[in-house]
Amino acid sequence: TLSMEDLAGNINSYTFDPGSSNNILSPIVLDSTNPVLSNFSLSSSNTNPGVNPCGESETGIHVKAADGDTVTMTFTGTDTSTNGINALPVVTIGNQAIACVQNTTQYTCETTVDSANFSDGLKAVQIALTDDAGNSINQTEGSVCVDTTAPSVVNRTVYRTSASRSSDLRYEVYWSEAVDNLTLTATHQTDGSILEFP
């Protein structure tokens, strides 16, 4: 209801009537309900089952990504009020913003990991979602273990620098990080024959 009084003391009031087609006033819709984020999924094109350089203590949805790998996430964003959600969510992996596309209430966000935009380490996936009334949520939904640095040799030791046929050889290599799927070969300098270390 709107009431008004002029300087002469004349008073008039208007009341919004939802059943009338001649309303002067418009309704005010109150919305204090935050949007809801659900059905979150996170995947990486990295399918290497080997060593996790970030450790094994992460909770929630967790993936690994090396240089050139693609990280993809999908989720649903809904607003239980009548205002709706028209702004795209703000999604980050660590400090890096990730582009998203919208299909009704479904969102897909994807990025390619590279050393120019991502430093190595465990990165939280954060999603900020705001409805048209300004209500917002900011949630951490998972993590990405980024490792764009190839392992390097920091030290090596050769036991027996020369050996005859059937002799035992031992070659110790110390890496900058944990590795697996290691292949070590020695090539004969004269005939080019190859010896593979088990």
Protein backbone atom coordinates (compact mmCIF):
# COMPACT_ATOMS: atom_id res chain seq x y z
CA THR A 1 0.00 0.00 0.00
CA LEU A 2 1.20 3.51 -0.92
CA SER A 3 -0.17 6.46 1.07
CA MET A 4 0.52 10.12 0.25
CA GLU A 5 -0.48 13.52 1.61
CA ASP A 6 -0.06 16.92 -0.03
CA LEU A 7 0.78 20.19 1.74
CA ALA A 8 -2.93 21.02 2.12
CA GLY A 9 -3.55 17.80 4.04
CA ASN A 10 -5.30 15.87 1.26
CA ILE A 11 -4.59 12.12 1.59
CA ASN A 12 -4.82 9.38 -0.99
CA SER A 13 -3.64 5.76 -0.95
CA TYR A 14 -3.19 2.97 -3.43
CA THR A 15 -3.15 -0.75 -2.66
CA PHE A 16 -1.90 -3.43 -5.02
CA ASP A 17 -4.65 -5.91 -5.86
CA PRO A 18 -3.38 -9.08 -7.59
CA GLY A 19 -6.89 -9.69 -8.94
CA SER A 20 -7.18 -6.31 -10.64
CA SER A 21 -5.96 -5.29 -14.09
CA ASN A 22 -5.88 -1.58 -13.18
CA ASN A 23 -3.12 -1.57 -10.60
CA ILE A 24 -1.01 1.55 -10.34
CA LEU A 25 1.48 -0.24 -8.10
CA SER A 26 3.69 -3.13 -9.08
CA PRO A 27 4.36 -6.06 -6.75
CA ILE A 28 7.66 -6.38 -4.92
CA VAL A 29 9.09 -9.89 -5.01
CA LEU A 30 11.30 -10.69 -2.03
CA ASP A 31 14.01 -13.31 -2.66
CA SER A 32 16.55 -14.14 0.04
CA THR A 33 17.11 -17.75 -1.02
CA ASN A 34 20.53 -18.74 -2.30
CA PRO A 35 20.83 -20.67 -5.56
CA VAL A 36 21.60 -24.39 -5.32
CA LEU A 37 24.56 -26.16 -6.91
CA SER A 38 24.21 -29.92 -7.46
CA ASN A 39 25.26 -32.87 -9.63
CA PHE A 40 28.90 -31.77 -9.69
CA SER A 41 31.32 -33.91 -11.68
CA LEU A 42 35.04 -33.43 -12.37
CA SER A 43 37.20 -35.29 -14.87
CA SER A 44 40.62 -35.13 -16.49
CA SER A 45 41.96 -36.51 -19.75
CA ASN A 46 44.93 -37.78 -17.69
CA THR A 47 44.30 -41.49 -17.17
CA ASN A 48 47.78 -42.35 -15.85
CA PRO A 49 47.23 -44.62 -12.82
CA GLY A 50 50.74 -43.97 -11.49
CA VAL A 51 52.18 -41.87 -8.71
CA ASN A 52 50.08 -38.98 -7.39
CA PRO A 53 52.55 -36.08 -6.91
CA CYS A 54 50.14 -34.28 -4.56
CA GLY A 55 49.82 -37.21 -2.16
CA GLU A 56 46.89 -39.45 -1.33
CA SER A 57 45.13 -37.48 1.43
CA GLU A 58 42.80 -35.36 -0.71
CA THR A 59 39.08 -35.50 0.05
CA GLY A 60 36.18 -35.03 -2.33
CA ILE A 61 36.44 -35.33 -6.09
CA HIS A 62 40.09 -35.24 -7.12
CA VAL A 63 41.84 -35.56 -10.49
CA LYS A 64 45.38 -35.27 -11.85
CA ALA A 65 46.44 -33.11 -14.80
CA ALA A 66 49.80 -32.83 -16.57
CA ASP A 67 50.86 -30.36 -19.25
CA GLY A 68 48.35 -30.48 -22.13
CA ASP A 69 45.64 -32.38 -20.25
CA THR A 70 42.02 -31.21 -20.35
CA VAL A 71 40.04 -30.76 -17.14
CA THR A 72 36.24 -30.72 -17.43
CA MET A 73 33.55 -30.12 -14.86
CA THR A 74 29.76 -30.15 -15.10
CA PHE A 75 27.11 -29.16 -12.57
CA THR A 76 23.54 -27.99 -12.18
CA GLY A 77 22.64 -24.51 -10.92
CA THR A 78 19.05 -23.86 -9.86
CA ASP A 79 17.12 -21.04 -8.23
CA THR A 80 14.09 -22.11 -6.21
CA SER A 81 12.56 -18.61 -6.40
CA THR A 82 11.08 -16.94 -9.48
CA ASN A 83 14.07 -14.72 -10.30
CA GLY A 84 16.21 -17.34 -12.00
CA ILE A 85 19.91 -17.39 -12.87
CA ASN A 86 21.09 -15.62 -16.01
CA ALA A 87 24.70 -14.77 -15.13
CA LEU A 88 27.35 -17.39 -15.82
CA PRO A 89 29.06 -18.82 -12.73
CA VAL A 90 32.57 -17.77 -11.77
CA VAL A 91 34.70 -20.93 -11.73
CA THR A 92 38.37 -21.15 -10.78
CA ILE A 93 41.00 -23.85 -10.46
CA GLY A 94 43.44 -22.31 -8.02
CA ASN A 95 43.68 -18.69 -9.20
CA GLN A 96 42.92 -19.49 -12.84
CA ALA A 97 39.45 -18.59 -14.16
CA ILE A 98 37.74 -21.29 -16.23
CA ALA A 99 35.30 -20.56 -19.07
CA CYS A 100 31.80 -22.06 -18.82
CA VAL A 101 28.86 -22.56 -21.16
CA GLN A 102 25.21 -22.82 -20.09
CA ASN A 103 22.42 -25.08 -21.30
CA THR A 104 19.28 -24.24 -19.30
CA THR A 105 20.31 -25.16 -15.73
CA GLN A 106 23.34 -27.22 -16.79
CA TYR A 107 26.86 -25.78 -16.89
CA THR A 108 30.00 -27.17 -18.50
CA CYS A 109 33.42 -25.66 -17.75
CA GLU A 110 36.64 -26.80 -19.42
CA THR A 111 40.30 -25.82 -19.58
CA THR A 112 43.61 -27.14 -20.88
CA VAL A 113 46.37 -27.26 -18.27
CA ASP A 114 49.72 -25.72 -19.20
CA SER A 115 52.72 -24.38 -17.31
CA ALA A 116 52.04 -20.81 -18.49
CA ASN A 117 48.75 -20.59 -16.57
CA PHE A 118 49.05 -23.23 -13.85
CA SER A 119 51.76 -23.73 -11.26
CA ASP A 120 52.37 -27.21 -9.90
CA GLY A 121 50.49 -28.35 -6.81
CA LEU A 122 47.03 -29.06 -5.47
CA LYS A 123 44.44 -26.56 -6.74
CA ALA A 124 40.95 -26.18 -5.31
CA VAL A 125 37.98 -26.02 -7.68
CA GLN A 126 35.72 -23.16 -6.57
CA ILE A 127 32.34 -22.19 -8.00
CA ALA A 128 30.52 -18.90 -7.32
CA LEU A 129 26.89 -18.83 -8.46
CA THR A 130 24.63 -15.75 -8.26
CA ASP A 131 20.90 -15.53 -9.00
CA ASP A 132 19.18 -12.51 -10.53
CA ALA A 133 18.21 -11.17 -7.10
CA GLY A 134 21.86 -11.04 -6.04
CA ASN A 135 21.86 -14.06 -3.73
CA SER A 136 25.08 -16.02 -4.15
CA ILE A 137 27.01 -19.08 -3.04
CA ASN A 138 30.73 -19.82 -3.23
CA GLN A 139 31.64 -23.48 -2.84
CA THR A 140 34.74 -25.64 -3.10
CA GLU A 141 33.72 -28.74 -5.04
CA GLY A 142 36.94 -30.68 -5.62
CA SER A 143 40.61 -30.38 -6.46
CA VAL A 144 43.06 -30.79 -9.32
CA CYS A 145 46.62 -31.99 -8.78
CA VAL A 146 48.59 -30.03 -11.38
CA ASP A 147 51.99 -31.38 -12.41
CA THR A 148 53.40 -29.78 -15.56
CA THR A 149 57.07 -30.40 -14.71
CA ALA A 150 58.81 -33.47 -16.13
CA PRO A 151 61.03 -35.41 -13.69
CA SER A 152 64.76 -34.79 -13.91
CA VAL A 153 67.83 -36.71 -12.77
CA VAL A 154 69.43 -35.13 -9.69
CA ASN A 155 72.09 -37.78 -9.12
CA ARG A 156 73.25 -41.11 -10.53
CA THR A 157 75.74 -43.76 -9.50
CA VAL A 158 77.27 -46.50 -11.67
CA TYR A 159 78.65 -49.61 -9.99
CA ARG A 160 81.22 -51.09 -12.35
CA THR A 161 81.99 -48.72 -15.17
CA SER A 162 83.33 -51.65 -17.21
CA ALA A 163 82.28 -55.29 -17.16
CA SER A 164 82.70 -58.51 -19.06
CA ARG A 165 79.93 -60.74 -20.38
CA SER A 166 77.60 -62.12 -17.67
CA SER A 167 78.86 -59.56 -15.16
CA ASP A 168 76.41 -57.81 -12.85
CA LEU A 169 75.87 -54.10 -13.39
CA ARG A 170 74.06 -51.70 -11.10
CA TYR A 171 72.96 -48.21 -12.03
CA GLU A 172 71.28 -46.04 -9.41
CA VAL A 173 69.30 -42.98 -10.46
CA TYR A 174 67.84 -40.35 -8.12
CA TRP A 175 64.93 -38.34 -9.51
CA SER A 176 63.52 -34.94 -8.62
CA GLU A 177 60.16 -36.58 -7.82
CA ALA A 178 58.58 -40.00 -7.51
CA VAL A 179 58.37 -41.80 -10.87
CA ASP A 180 57.00 -45.02 -12.31
CA ASN A 181 56.97 -46.74 -15.72
CA LEU A 182 60.74 -46.30 -15.77
CA THR A 183 62.78 -47.66 -18.67
CA LEU A 184 66.58 -47.59 -18.48
CA THR A 185 68.75 -48.78 -21.36
CA ALA A 186 72.48 -48.73 -22.15
CA THR A 187 73.76 -48.54 -25.73
CA HIS A 188 77.10 -50.10 -26.70
CA GLN A 189 79.36 -47.39 -28.12
CA THR A 190 80.88 -49.68 -30.75
CA ASP A 191 78.17 -51.91 -32.21
CA GLY A 192 75.07 -50.05 -31.00
CA SER A 193 73.64 -53.03 -29.16
CA ILE A 194 71.18 -52.15 -26.40
CA LEU A 195 71.09 -53.46 -22.84
CA GLU A 196 67.87 -52.91 -20.94
CA PHE A 197 68.01 -52.73 -17.15
CA PRO A 198 65.20 -54.51 -15.32
